[in-house]
Amino acid sequence: MAKDFVVYRLYIHKVKQQELYELLESMPKSIRGLYIREALMHYRLSRGAEKPQQRGVSLQETFAENFSESL
């Protein structure tokens, strides 16, 4: 998950979404990992990838509500 966070931080920096970056920095690591996983899933699905089966906790609705328009 640390690798995903580094990749995601670079993406946020590239698109200049300071608000999203600050939100991720303020999250506890356990929640941040789930949030990043959902963000990456959203990105892949928006590019036409198939949706894999998910297990466990999902923050997909939360991510979609907050940032789907800005990505």
N, C-alpha and C. Protein backbone atom coordinates (compact mmCIF):
# COMPACT_ATOMS: atom_id res chain seq x y z
N MET A 1 0.81 -1.19 0.00
CA MET A 1 0.00 0.00 0.00
C MET A 1 0.86 1.26 0.00
N ALA A 2 2.05 1.18 0.57
CA ALA A 2 2.93 2.36 0.57
C ALA A 2 3.29 2.77 -0.85
N LYS A 3 3.53 1.77 -1.70
CA LYS A 3 3.86 2.06 -3.11
C LYS A 3 2.69 2.78 -3.78
N ASP A 4 1.46 2.31 -3.54
CA ASP A 4 0.28 2.96 -4.11
C ASP A 4 0.17 4.40 -3.64
N PHE A 5 0.49 4.64 -2.37
CA PHE A 5 0.39 6.00 -1.84
C PHE A 5 1.39 6.92 -2.53
N VAL A 6 2.60 6.43 -2.75
CA VAL A 6 3.61 7.24 -3.44
C VAL A 6 3.15 7.57 -4.85
N VAL A 7 2.66 6.57 -5.57
CA VAL A 7 2.16 6.78 -6.94
C VAL A 7 1.01 7.78 -6.91
N TYR A 8 0.10 7.62 -5.97
CA TYR A 8 -1.06 8.50 -5.90
C TYR A 8 -0.66 9.92 -5.54
N ARG A 9 0.33 10.07 -4.67
CA ARG A 9 0.82 11.41 -4.32
C ARG A 9 1.37 12.10 -5.55
N LEU A 10 2.11 11.38 -6.37
CA LEU A 10 2.64 11.97 -7.60
C LEU A 10 1.52 12.40 -8.53
N TYR A 11 0.48 11.57 -8.64
CA TYR A 11 -0.66 11.92 -9.50
C TYR A 11 -1.34 13.19 -8.99
N ILE A 12 -1.56 13.26 -7.69
CA ILE A 12 -2.21 14.44 -7.11
C ILE A 12 -1.37 15.68 -7.37
N HIS A 13 -0.05 15.56 -7.21
CA HIS A 13 0.84 16.69 -7.47
C HIS A 13 0.75 17.12 -8.93
N LYS A 14 0.68 16.15 -9.82
CA LYS A 14 0.63 16.44 -11.25
C LYS A 14 -0.64 17.20 -11.62
N VAL A 15 -1.78 16.82 -11.04
CA VAL A 15 -3.04 17.48 -11.38
C VAL A 15 -3.34 18.66 -10.44
N LYS A 16 -2.41 18.92 -9.51
CA LYS A 16 -2.51 20.07 -8.61
C LYS A 16 -3.79 20.08 -7.77
N GLN A 17 -4.10 18.93 -7.18
CA GLN A 17 -5.27 18.84 -6.30
C GLN A 17 -4.81 18.89 -4.85
N GLN A 18 -4.48 20.07 -4.40
CA GLN A 18 -3.94 20.26 -3.06
C GLN A 18 -4.93 19.83 -1.98
N GLU A 19 -6.21 20.08 -2.19
CA GLU A 19 -7.22 19.71 -1.21
C GLU A 19 -7.25 18.20 -0.99
N LEU A 20 -7.19 17.44 -2.07
CA LEU A 20 -7.18 15.98 -1.96
C LEU A 20 -5.90 15.50 -1.28
N TYR A 21 -4.77 16.11 -1.62
CA TYR A 21 -3.50 15.74 -1.00
C TYR A 21 -3.56 15.97 0.51
N GLU A 22 -4.08 17.10 0.93
CA GLU A 22 -4.17 17.40 2.36
C GLU A 22 -5.11 16.45 3.06
N LEU A 23 -6.20 16.06 2.40
CA LEU A 23 -7.12 15.09 2.98
C LEU A 23 -6.42 13.76 3.22
N LEU A 24 -5.68 13.28 2.22
CA LEU A 24 -4.97 12.01 2.37
C LEU A 24 -3.90 12.08 3.46
N GLU A 25 -3.19 13.18 3.54
CA GLU A 25 -2.16 13.33 4.56
C GLU A 25 -2.76 13.32 5.96
N SER A 26 -3.98 13.81 6.12
CA SER A 26 -4.58 13.90 7.44
C SER A 26 -5.26 12.60 7.88
N MET A 27 -5.45 11.66 6.96
CA MET A 27 -6.13 10.40 7.29
C MET A 27 -5.20 9.45 8.05
N PRO A 28 -5.78 8.63 8.94
CA PRO A 28 -4.99 7.54 9.52
C PRO A 28 -4.56 6.58 8.41
N LYS A 29 -3.42 5.93 8.58
CA LYS A 29 -2.88 5.09 7.53
C LYS A 29 -3.84 3.98 7.10
N SER A 30 -4.57 3.40 8.04
CA SER A 30 -5.48 2.30 7.70
C SER A 30 -6.60 2.78 6.77
N ILE A 31 -7.17 3.92 7.03
CA ILE A 31 -8.24 4.47 6.20
C ILE A 31 -7.67 4.96 4.88
N ARG A 32 -6.52 5.60 4.93
CA ARG A 32 -5.89 6.14 3.73
C ARG A 32 -5.64 5.04 2.71
N GLY A 33 -5.19 3.88 3.17
CA GLY A 33 -4.95 2.76 2.26
C GLY A 33 -6.21 2.32 1.55
N LEU A 34 -7.32 2.23 2.29
CA LEU A 34 -8.59 1.86 1.67
C LEU A 34 -9.04 2.91 0.67
N TYR A 35 -8.88 4.16 1.03
CA TYR A 35 -9.30 5.25 0.17
C TYR A 35 -8.50 5.26 -1.13
N ILE A 36 -7.20 5.04 -1.01
CA ILE A 36 -6.35 5.01 -2.20
C ILE A 36 -6.70 3.83 -3.08
N ARG A 37 -6.98 2.68 -2.47
CA ARG A 37 -7.37 1.51 -3.25
C ARG A 37 -8.63 1.81 -4.07
N GLU A 38 -9.59 2.48 -3.45
CA GLU A 38 -10.82 2.84 -4.17
C GLU A 38 -10.53 3.86 -5.27
N ALA A 39 -9.64 4.79 -5.00
CA ALA A 39 -9.29 5.79 -6.02
C ALA A 39 -8.63 5.13 -7.22
N LEU A 40 -7.73 4.19 -6.97
CA LEU A 40 -7.08 3.48 -8.07
C LEU A 40 -8.09 2.64 -8.84
N MET A 41 -9.03 2.02 -8.13
CA MET A 41 -10.07 1.23 -8.78
C MET A 41 -10.92 2.13 -9.68
N HIS A 42 -11.29 3.30 -9.16
CA HIS A 42 -12.08 4.26 -9.93
C HIS A 42 -11.33 4.67 -11.20
N TYR A 43 -10.04 4.92 -11.06
CA TYR A 43 -9.22 5.31 -12.20
C TYR A 43 -9.17 4.21 -13.25
N ARG A 44 -8.96 2.97 -12.81
CA ARG A 44 -8.91 1.85 -13.76
C ARG A 44 -10.25 1.65 -14.46
N LEU A 45 -11.34 1.73 -13.70
CA LEU A 45 -12.67 1.55 -14.29
C LEU A 45 -12.99 2.67 -15.28
N SER A 46 -12.53 3.88 -14.99
CA SER A 46 -12.79 4.98 -15.91
C SER A 46 -12.01 4.83 -17.21
N ARG A 47 -10.99 3.99 -17.19
CA ARG A 47 -10.19 3.71 -18.39
C ARG A 47 -10.65 2.43 -19.10
N GLY A 48 -11.74 1.83 -18.63
CA GLY A 48 -12.32 0.67 -19.31
C GLY A 48 -11.87 -0.68 -18.80
N ALA A 49 -11.19 -0.75 -17.68
CA ALA A 49 -10.77 -2.04 -17.13
C ALA A 49 -11.96 -2.76 -16.51
N GLU A 50 -11.88 -4.07 -16.44
CA GLU A 50 -12.94 -4.85 -15.79
C GLU A 50 -12.86 -4.66 -14.29
N LYS A 51 -14.02 -4.75 -13.64
CA LYS A 51 -14.06 -4.59 -12.20
C LYS A 51 -13.79 -5.94 -11.53
N PRO A 52 -12.70 -6.03 -10.76
CA PRO A 52 -12.43 -7.28 -10.05
C PRO A 52 -13.32 -7.41 -8.82
N GLN A 53 -13.45 -8.62 -8.32
CA GLN A 53 -14.24 -8.81 -7.11
C GLN A 53 -13.50 -8.20 -5.94
N GLN A 54 -14.26 -7.54 -5.07
CA GLN A 54 -13.66 -6.91 -3.90
C GLN A 54 -14.08 -7.64 -2.65
N ARG A 55 -13.17 -7.68 -1.72
CA ARG A 55 -13.47 -8.24 -0.40
C ARG A 55 -13.18 -7.18 0.64
N GLY A 56 -13.89 -7.24 1.72
CA GLY A 56 -13.62 -6.34 2.83
C GLY A 56 -14.35 -5.01 2.72
N VAL A 57 -13.81 -4.02 3.40
CA VAL A 57 -14.42 -2.71 3.52
C VAL A 57 -14.23 -1.91 2.24
N SER A 58 -15.26 -1.15 1.86
CA SER A 58 -15.17 -0.33 0.66
C SER A 58 -15.55 1.11 0.99
N LEU A 59 -14.76 2.03 0.49
CA LEU A 59 -15.08 3.45 0.63
C LEU A 59 -15.44 4.03 -0.73
N GLN A 60 -15.88 3.17 -1.64
CA GLN A 60 -16.13 3.61 -3.02
C GLN A 60 -17.16 4.72 -3.08
N GLU A 61 -18.25 4.59 -2.33
CA GLU A 61 -19.28 5.63 -2.37
C GLU A 61 -18.73 6.95 -1.85
N THR A 62 -17.94 6.89 -0.79
CA THR A 62 -17.35 8.10 -0.23
C THR A 62 -16.44 8.77 -1.24
N PHE A 63 -15.60 7.97 -1.90
CA PHE A 63 -14.70 8.52 -2.90
C PHE A 63 -15.49 9.15 -4.05
N ALA A 64 -16.49 8.43 -4.54
CA ALA A 64 -17.28 8.93 -5.67
C ALA A 64 -17.98 10.24 -5.32
N GLU A 65 -18.51 10.33 -4.11
CA GLU A 65 -19.20 11.55 -3.70
C GLU A 65 -18.26 12.75 -3.65
N ASN A 66 -17.03 12.52 -3.18
CA ASN A 66 -16.11 13.64 -2.97
C ASN A 66 -15.29 14.04 -4.17
N PHE A 67 -14.87 13.07 -4.99
CA PHE A 67 -13.86 13.40 -5.97
C PHE A 67 -14.10 12.88 -7.37
N SER A 68 -15.24 12.28 -7.65
CA SER A 68 -15.44 11.73 -9.00
C SER A 68 -15.48 12.83 -10.05
N GLU A 69 -15.99 13.99 -9.71
CA GLU A 69 -16.05 15.09 -10.68
C GLU A 69 -14.67 15.65 -10.97
N SER A 70 -13.80 15.68 -9.96
CA SER A 70 -12.51 16.33 -10.12
C SER A 70 -11.46 15.45 -10.76
N LEU A 71 -11.73 14.14 -10.88
CA LEU A 71 -10.74 13.27 -11.54
C LEU A 71 -11.10 13.16 -12.94
